[in-house]
Amino acid sequence: MFYEPPVSIESIRDSGVIALAKDATDFLAVHWWCRSIRSSHLAYANPPVLGVFLFRIVPSTPNYQSVLWVVVGDLPAAYLVCDDAPTWREALRSYADEMGKWVAAVRARTSLMDVIQVGVEPTLENADKVDSRLRVISRIVLKYGK
């Protein structure tokens, strides 16, 4: 299910989507640079596999973005800045690109310093799991186009 324009999280009634929204909110709220969340919107959901949410936050410091995408589901959660991805589809593409770099680095057993921070152990098994989820994301992006 995709939502254009994104819909307020408060208006969601589907329990699976509500769970994804909670995961996205909890993920964002634990970062030190997120002082508070001003608004949150659902852009895409396929519970429990994937959810893409748009957040407007009050950053703890002016050096941080105030509008972010958050991707959650049956994969490592991540946030992406909207400057690089103005739509949820582009956010998913960016997510897939960044996670793909992580998968490649783990498989090559190279440094993870220059890739996205991923909340799972950098094992070959986890790299394979993330890679399989990225294939699902590729099909979703292809299905819904640009």
N, C-alpha and C. Protein backbone atom coordinates (compact mmCIF):
# COMPACT_ATOMS: atom_id res chain seq x y z
N MET A 1 0.83 -1.18 0.00
CA MET A 1 0.00 0.00 0.00
C MET A 1 0.88 1.24 0.00
N PHE A 2 0.68 2.11 -0.97
CA PHE A 2 1.41 3.36 -0.89
C PHE A 2 0.43 4.50 -0.73
N TYR A 3 0.91 5.56 -0.13
CA TYR A 3 0.06 6.68 0.26
C TYR A 3 0.64 7.96 -0.32
N GLU A 4 -0.09 8.57 -1.23
CA GLU A 4 0.36 9.84 -1.78
C GLU A 4 -0.79 10.82 -1.73
N PRO A 5 -0.66 11.94 -1.07
CA PRO A 5 0.50 12.27 -0.25
C PRO A 5 0.54 11.40 1.00
N PRO A 6 1.70 11.37 1.68
CA PRO A 6 1.79 10.59 2.92
C PRO A 6 0.68 10.98 3.91
N VAL A 7 0.22 10.01 4.67
CA VAL A 7 -0.86 10.24 5.63
C VAL A 7 -0.30 10.27 7.05
N SER A 8 -0.94 11.03 7.88
CA SER A 8 -0.53 11.15 9.27
C SER A 8 -0.55 9.78 9.96
N ILE A 9 0.44 9.51 10.76
CA ILE A 9 0.50 8.24 11.50
C ILE A 9 -0.72 8.11 12.42
N GLU A 10 -1.20 9.21 12.95
CA GLU A 10 -2.35 9.17 13.86
C GLU A 10 -3.61 8.64 13.17
N SER A 11 -3.69 8.73 11.85
CA SER A 11 -4.90 8.29 11.15
C SER A 11 -4.84 6.81 10.73
N ILE A 12 -3.75 6.14 11.01
CA ILE A 12 -3.60 4.73 10.62
C ILE A 12 -4.48 3.85 11.51
N ARG A 13 -5.15 2.90 10.90
CA ARG A 13 -6.02 1.97 11.64
C ARG A 13 -5.55 0.52 11.54
N ASP A 14 -4.75 0.19 10.54
CA ASP A 14 -4.26 -1.17 10.34
C ASP A 14 -3.21 -1.51 11.40
N SER A 15 -3.42 -2.61 12.15
CA SER A 15 -2.52 -2.94 13.26
C SER A 15 -1.10 -3.23 12.80
N GLY A 16 -0.93 -3.83 11.63
CA GLY A 16 0.42 -4.09 11.13
C GLY A 16 1.16 -2.82 10.78
N VAL A 17 0.45 -1.87 10.21
CA VAL A 17 1.06 -0.58 9.87
C VAL A 17 1.33 0.22 11.14
N ILE A 18 0.44 0.12 12.12
CA ILE A 18 0.67 0.79 13.40
C ILE A 18 1.95 0.27 14.04
N ALA A 19 2.18 -1.04 13.96
CA ALA A 19 3.40 -1.62 14.53
C ALA A 19 4.64 -1.09 13.81
N LEU A 20 4.58 -0.99 12.48
CA LEU A 20 5.71 -0.42 11.73
C LEU A 20 5.94 1.04 12.12
N ALA A 21 4.86 1.79 12.28
CA ALA A 21 4.97 3.21 12.66
C ALA A 21 5.63 3.34 14.03
N LYS A 22 5.25 2.47 14.96
CA LYS A 22 5.87 2.49 16.29
C LYS A 22 7.36 2.18 16.19
N ASP A 23 7.71 1.19 15.38
CA ASP A 23 9.13 0.85 15.18
C ASP A 23 9.90 2.05 14.62
N ALA A 24 9.32 2.73 13.64
CA ALA A 24 9.98 3.88 13.03
C ALA A 24 10.15 5.01 14.03
N THR A 25 9.11 5.27 14.80
CA THR A 25 9.15 6.34 15.81
C THR A 25 10.18 6.01 16.89
N ASP A 26 10.16 4.78 17.37
CA ASP A 26 11.12 4.36 18.40
C ASP A 26 12.56 4.42 17.88
N PHE A 27 12.76 4.00 16.64
CA PHE A 27 14.09 4.04 16.04
C PHE A 27 14.63 5.46 16.00
N LEU A 28 13.80 6.38 15.54
CA LEU A 28 14.24 7.76 15.41
C LEU A 28 14.46 8.42 16.77
N ALA A 29 13.57 8.14 17.71
CA ALA A 29 13.59 8.81 19.01
C ALA A 29 14.84 8.50 19.84
N VAL A 30 15.52 7.39 19.59
CA VAL A 30 16.70 7.04 20.41
C VAL A 30 17.96 7.76 19.97
N HIS A 31 17.93 8.42 18.84
CA HIS A 31 19.12 9.14 18.39
C HIS A 31 19.27 10.45 19.16
N TRP A 32 20.48 10.74 19.62
CA TRP A 32 20.72 11.90 20.47
C TRP A 32 20.38 13.21 19.76
N TRP A 33 20.49 13.22 18.44
CA TRP A 33 20.25 14.45 17.69
C TRP A 33 18.76 14.72 17.44
N CYS A 34 17.89 13.80 17.85
CA CYS A 34 16.45 14.00 17.69
C CYS A 34 15.87 14.46 19.02
N ARG A 35 15.69 15.76 19.18
CA ARG A 35 15.15 16.31 20.43
C ARG A 35 13.69 15.90 20.59
N SER A 36 12.91 16.05 19.50
CA SER A 36 11.51 15.64 19.52
C SER A 36 11.01 15.45 18.10
N ILE A 37 9.88 14.79 17.99
CA ILE A 37 9.25 14.56 16.69
C ILE A 37 8.07 15.51 16.56
N ARG A 38 8.09 16.33 15.52
CA ARG A 38 7.00 17.29 15.28
C ARG A 38 5.84 16.64 14.54
N SER A 39 6.15 15.84 13.53
CA SER A 39 5.09 15.16 12.78
C SER A 39 5.64 13.90 12.14
N SER A 40 4.75 12.97 11.88
CA SER A 40 5.15 11.69 11.27
C SER A 40 4.07 11.24 10.31
N HIS A 41 4.51 10.76 9.16
CA HIS A 41 3.58 10.38 8.10
C HIS A 41 4.01 9.06 7.46
N LEU A 42 3.02 8.29 7.10
CA LEU A 42 3.23 7.04 6.39
C LEU A 42 3.23 7.31 4.89
N ALA A 43 4.24 6.77 4.18
CA ALA A 43 4.29 6.91 2.73
C ALA A 43 4.06 5.56 2.04
N TYR A 44 4.59 4.48 2.64
CA TYR A 44 4.44 3.15 2.05
C TYR A 44 4.47 2.12 3.17
N ALA A 45 3.63 1.09 3.03
CA ALA A 45 3.66 0.01 4.02
C ALA A 45 3.26 -1.30 3.37
N ASN A 46 3.97 -2.33 3.75
CA ASN A 46 3.65 -3.70 3.42
C ASN A 46 3.98 -4.51 4.67
N PRO A 47 3.10 -4.44 5.69
CA PRO A 47 3.42 -5.05 6.98
C PRO A 47 3.47 -6.57 6.89
N PRO A 48 4.36 -7.20 7.63
CA PRO A 48 5.39 -6.62 8.51
C PRO A 48 6.72 -6.42 7.80
N VAL A 49 6.73 -6.54 6.48
CA VAL A 49 7.97 -6.55 5.71
C VAL A 49 8.64 -5.19 5.63
N LEU A 50 7.84 -4.13 5.36
CA LEU A 50 8.47 -2.86 5.04
C LEU A 50 7.53 -1.69 5.32
N GLY A 51 8.10 -0.63 5.87
CA GLY A 51 7.38 0.63 6.05
C GLY A 51 8.31 1.79 5.77
N VAL A 52 7.80 2.81 5.10
CA VAL A 52 8.57 4.02 4.81
C VAL A 52 7.78 5.19 5.39
N PHE A 53 8.43 5.95 6.26
CA PHE A 53 7.77 7.03 6.98
C PHE A 53 8.56 8.33 6.81
N LEU A 54 7.83 9.42 6.77
CA LEU A 54 8.42 10.75 6.68
C LEU A 54 8.24 11.44 8.04
N PHE A 55 9.35 11.91 8.60
CA PHE A 55 9.33 12.57 9.91
C PHE A 55 9.84 13.99 9.81
N ARG A 56 9.19 14.86 10.55
CA ARG A 56 9.71 16.21 10.78
C ARG A 56 10.07 16.25 12.26
N ILE A 57 11.32 16.59 12.52
CA ILE A 57 11.81 16.56 13.90
C ILE A 57 12.33 17.93 14.31
N VAL A 58 12.54 18.06 15.60
CA VAL A 58 13.28 19.19 16.16
C VAL A 58 14.65 18.62 16.50
N PRO A 59 15.67 18.98 15.72
CA PRO A 59 17.00 18.44 16.00
C PRO A 59 17.62 19.09 17.24
N SER A 60 18.48 18.35 17.90
CA SER A 60 19.16 18.87 19.10
C SER A 60 20.18 19.94 18.75
N THR A 61 20.61 19.96 17.52
CA THR A 61 21.59 20.93 17.07
C THR A 61 21.23 21.37 15.65
N PRO A 62 21.51 22.60 15.29
CA PRO A 62 21.12 23.09 13.96
C PRO A 62 21.86 22.39 12.82
N ASN A 63 22.89 21.63 13.11
CA ASN A 63 23.66 20.96 12.08
C ASN A 63 22.97 19.71 11.52
N TYR A 64 21.85 19.32 12.11
CA TYR A 64 21.16 18.10 11.70
C TYR A 64 19.90 18.43 10.91
N GLN A 65 19.56 17.51 10.03
CA GLN A 65 18.36 17.65 9.20
C GLN A 65 17.11 17.62 10.07
N SER A 66 16.09 18.33 9.63
CA SER A 66 14.84 18.32 10.38
C SER A 66 13.75 17.50 9.69
N VAL A 67 14.00 17.07 8.46
CA VAL A 67 13.04 16.23 7.73
C VAL A 67 13.78 14.99 7.26
N LEU A 68 13.27 13.83 7.67
CA LEU A 68 13.94 12.56 7.39
C LEU A 68 12.96 11.48 6.98
N TRP A 69 13.43 10.56 6.17
CA TRP A 69 12.71 9.32 5.89
C TRP A 69 13.22 8.28 6.87
N VAL A 70 12.36 7.39 7.30
CA VAL A 70 12.77 6.25 8.11
C VAL A 70 12.20 5.00 7.45
N VAL A 71 13.08 4.02 7.23
CA VAL A 71 12.70 2.74 6.65
C VAL A 71 12.82 1.69 7.74
N VAL A 72 11.75 0.92 7.94
CA VAL A 72 11.73 -0.14 8.95
C VAL A 72 11.01 -1.36 8.39
N GLY A 73 11.06 -2.43 9.15
CA GLY A 73 10.34 -3.65 8.77
C GLY A 73 11.18 -4.87 9.09
N ASP A 74 11.12 -5.83 8.21
CA ASP A 74 11.86 -7.08 8.37
C ASP A 74 13.26 -6.91 7.78
N LEU A 75 13.91 -5.83 8.19
CA LEU A 75 15.23 -5.46 7.71
C LEU A 75 15.80 -4.43 8.66
N PRO A 76 17.09 -4.14 8.58
CA PRO A 76 17.64 -3.14 9.50
C PRO A 76 17.02 -1.76 9.25
N ALA A 77 16.65 -1.09 10.32
CA ALA A 77 16.09 0.25 10.23
C ALA A 77 17.18 1.25 9.83
N ALA A 78 16.75 2.30 9.13
CA ALA A 78 17.69 3.36 8.75
C ALA A 78 16.92 4.65 8.53
N TYR A 79 17.64 5.76 8.66
CA TYR A 79 17.06 7.06 8.33
C TYR A 79 17.83 7.62 7.14
N LEU A 80 17.15 8.41 6.35
CA LEU A 80 17.74 9.02 5.17
C LEU A 80 17.30 10.47 5.10
N VAL A 81 18.20 11.34 4.65
CA VAL A 81 17.83 12.75 4.55
C VAL A 81 16.99 12.97 3.30
N CYS A 82 16.08 13.87 3.37
CA CYS A 82 15.16 14.13 2.26
C CYS A 82 15.81 14.89 1.12
N ASP A 83 16.89 15.60 1.40
CA ASP A 83 17.58 16.32 0.32
C ASP A 83 18.04 15.35 -0.76
N ASP A 84 18.45 14.17 -0.35
CA ASP A 84 18.93 13.15 -1.29
C ASP A 84 17.80 12.31 -1.84
N ALA A 85 16.64 12.33 -1.21
CA ALA A 85 15.53 11.48 -1.59
C ALA A 85 14.21 12.20 -1.33
N PRO A 86 13.74 13.01 -2.27
CA PRO A 86 12.53 13.79 -2.02
C PRO A 86 11.24 12.97 -2.02
N THR A 87 11.25 11.74 -2.53
CA THR A 87 10.05 10.90 -2.51
C THR A 87 10.35 9.58 -1.80
N TRP A 88 9.27 8.88 -1.40
CA TRP A 88 9.48 7.61 -0.71
C TRP A 88 10.16 6.60 -1.62
N ARG A 89 9.90 6.64 -2.92
CA ARG A 89 10.55 5.71 -3.84
C ARG A 89 12.06 5.97 -3.89
N GLU A 90 12.41 7.24 -3.94
CA GLU A 90 13.83 7.59 -3.94
C GLU A 90 14.47 7.26 -2.60
N ALA A 91 13.72 7.38 -1.52
CA ALA A 91 14.23 6.99 -0.21
C ALA A 91 14.51 5.49 -0.21
N LEU A 92 13.62 4.69 -0.78
CA LEU A 92 13.86 3.25 -0.85
C LEU A 92 15.06 2.93 -1.73
N ARG A 93 15.19 3.65 -2.84
CA ARG A 93 16.37 3.44 -3.70
C ARG A 93 17.65 3.76 -2.93
N SER A 94 17.64 4.89 -2.22
CA SER A 94 18.82 5.28 -1.44
C SER A 94 19.12 4.25 -0.35
N TYR A 95 18.06 3.80 0.31
CA TYR A 95 18.22 2.76 1.34
C TYR A 95 18.87 1.53 0.73
N ALA A 96 18.34 1.07 -0.41
CA ALA A 96 18.87 -0.13 -1.06
C ALA A 96 20.33 0.07 -1.48
N ASP A 97 20.64 1.25 -2.00
CA ASP A 97 22.03 1.54 -2.40
C ASP A 97 22.97 1.48 -1.20
N GLU A 98 22.58 2.16 -0.12
CA GLU A 98 23.44 2.21 1.07
C GLU A 98 23.58 0.82 1.72
N MET A 99 22.47 0.11 1.84
CA MET A 99 22.54 -1.23 2.42
C MET A 99 23.32 -2.19 1.51
N GLY A 100 23.21 -1.98 0.21
CA GLY A 100 23.99 -2.80 -0.73
C GLY A 100 25.48 -2.60 -0.53
N LYS A 101 25.89 -1.36 -0.23
CA LYS A 101 27.31 -1.10 0.07
C LYS A 101 27.72 -1.83 1.34
N TRP A 102 26.83 -1.86 2.33
CA TRP A 102 27.12 -2.58 3.57
C TRP A 102 27.27 -4.06 3.29
N VAL A 103 26.35 -4.63 2.52
CA VAL A 103 26.41 -6.06 2.17
C VAL A 103 27.74 -6.36 1.47
N ALA A 104 28.11 -5.54 0.50
CA ALA A 104 29.35 -5.76 -0.24
C ALA A 104 30.57 -5.69 0.68
N ALA A 105 30.58 -4.73 1.59
CA ALA A 105 31.71 -4.59 2.53
C ALA A 105 31.79 -5.78 3.46
N VAL A 106 30.65 -6.25 3.96
CA VAL A 106 30.66 -7.42 4.85
C VAL A 106 31.16 -8.64 4.09
N ARG A 107 30.66 -8.85 2.89
CA ARG A 107 31.07 -10.02 2.10
C ARG A 107 32.55 -9.97 1.75
N ALA A 108 33.07 -8.76 1.50
CA ALA A 108 34.48 -8.60 1.16
C ALA A 108 35.36 -8.54 2.40
N ARG A 109 34.72 -8.50 3.56
CA ARG A 109 35.42 -8.39 4.84
C ARG A 109 36.31 -7.15 4.88
N THR A 110 35.76 -6.03 4.38
CA THR A 110 36.48 -4.77 4.40
C THR A 110 35.88 -3.87 5.48
N SER A 111 36.47 -2.72 5.67
CA SER A 111 36.03 -1.78 6.70
C SER A 111 34.59 -1.33 6.47
N LEU A 112 33.89 -1.16 7.58
CA LEU A 112 32.52 -0.65 7.53
C LEU A 112 32.46 0.84 7.88
N MET A 113 33.62 1.47 7.97
CA MET A 113 33.67 2.88 8.38
C MET A 113 32.96 3.81 7.40
N ASP A 114 32.98 3.49 6.12
CA ASP A 114 32.42 4.40 5.12
C ASP A 114 31.06 3.96 4.59
N VAL A 115 30.41 3.06 5.31
CA VAL A 115 29.08 2.60 4.88
C VAL A 115 28.06 2.91 5.98
N ILE A 116 26.80 2.78 5.63
CA ILE A 116 25.71 3.06 6.57
C ILE A 116 25.84 2.20 7.82
N GLN A 117 25.51 2.78 8.95
CA GLN A 117 25.49 2.03 10.20
C GLN A 117 24.27 1.12 10.21
N VAL A 118 24.51 -0.15 10.44
CA VAL A 118 23.44 -1.15 10.40
C VAL A 118 23.36 -1.81 11.76
N GLY A 119 22.17 -1.96 12.28
CA GLY A 119 21.98 -2.47 13.63
C GLY A 119 22.00 -3.99 13.75
N VAL A 120 22.76 -4.64 12.90
CA VAL A 120 22.95 -6.09 13.01
C VAL A 120 24.43 -6.40 12.91
N GLU A 121 24.79 -7.56 13.42
CA GLU A 121 26.19 -7.98 13.35
C GLU A 121 26.61 -8.14 11.89
N PRO A 122 27.83 -7.72 11.55
CA PRO A 122 28.28 -7.83 10.16
C PRO A 122 28.78 -9.24 9.81
N THR A 123 27.85 -10.18 9.80
CA THR A 123 28.19 -11.57 9.45
C THR A 123 27.74 -11.86 8.02
N LEU A 124 28.31 -12.89 7.43
CA LEU A 124 27.90 -13.28 6.08
C LEU A 124 26.42 -13.68 6.07
N GLU A 125 25.96 -14.34 7.11
CA GLU A 125 24.56 -14.74 7.20
C GLU A 125 23.65 -13.50 7.20
N ASN A 126 24.00 -12.49 7.99
CA ASN A 126 23.19 -11.27 8.01
C ASN A 126 23.28 -10.51 6.69
N ALA A 127 24.45 -10.53 6.07
CA ALA A 127 24.58 -9.88 4.76
C ALA A 127 23.67 -10.55 3.74
N ASP A 128 23.59 -11.87 3.79
CA ASP A 128 22.69 -12.60 2.87
C ASP A 128 21.23 -12.25 3.15
N LYS A 129 20.86 -12.15 4.43
CA LYS A 129 19.48 -11.80 4.78
C LYS A 129 19.14 -10.39 4.29
N VAL A 130 20.04 -9.44 4.53
CA VAL A 130 19.80 -8.07 4.07
C VAL A 130 19.70 -8.04 2.55
N ASP A 131 20.58 -8.76 1.88
CA ASP A 131 20.57 -8.79 0.42
C ASP A 131 19.24 -9.33 -0.11
N SER A 132 18.69 -10.35 0.54
CA SER A 132 17.40 -10.89 0.08
C SER A 132 16.29 -9.86 0.26
N ARG A 133 16.34 -9.07 1.33
CA ARG A 133 15.35 -8.01 1.54
C ARG A 133 15.51 -6.91 0.50
N LEU A 134 16.75 -6.64 0.10
CA LEU A 134 16.99 -5.61 -0.92
C LEU A 134 16.38 -6.01 -2.26
N ARG A 135 16.36 -7.29 -2.55
CA ARG A 135 15.71 -7.75 -3.79
C ARG A 135 14.20 -7.48 -3.73
N VAL A 136 13.60 -7.65 -2.56
CA VAL A 136 12.17 -7.33 -2.40
C VAL A 136 11.95 -5.84 -2.63
N ILE A 137 12.81 -5.01 -2.05
CA ILE A 137 12.70 -3.56 -2.23
C ILE A 137 12.83 -3.20 -3.71
N SER A 138 13.74 -3.83 -4.42
CA SER A 138 13.91 -3.56 -5.85
C SER A 138 12.62 -3.85 -6.62
N ARG A 139 11.95 -4.95 -6.27
CA ARG A 139 10.69 -5.28 -6.93
C ARG A 139 9.61 -4.24 -6.61
N ILE A 140 9.59 -3.75 -5.38
CA ILE A 140 8.60 -2.74 -4.99
C ILE A 140 8.84 -1.45 -5.77
N VAL A 141 10.08 -1.02 -5.83
CA VAL A 141 10.40 0.22 -6.53
C VAL A 141 10.07 0.07 -8.01
N LEU A 142 10.39 -1.09 -8.59
CA LEU A 142 10.06 -1.30 -10.00
C LEU A 142 8.55 -1.31 -10.21
N LYS A 143 7.82 -1.91 -9.29
CA LYS A 143 6.37 -1.99 -9.42
C LYS A 143 5.71 -0.62 -9.41
N TYR A 144 6.17 0.25 -8.52
CA TYR A 144 5.54 1.56 -8.39
C TYR A 144 6.22 2.65 -9.19
N GLY A 145 7.32 2.31 -9.85
CA GLY A 145 7.97 3.27 -10.74
C GLY A 145 8.59 4.45 -10.02
N LYS A 146 8.77 5.53 -10.77
CA LYS A 146 9.44 6.71 -10.22
C LYS A 146 8.53 7.58 -9.42
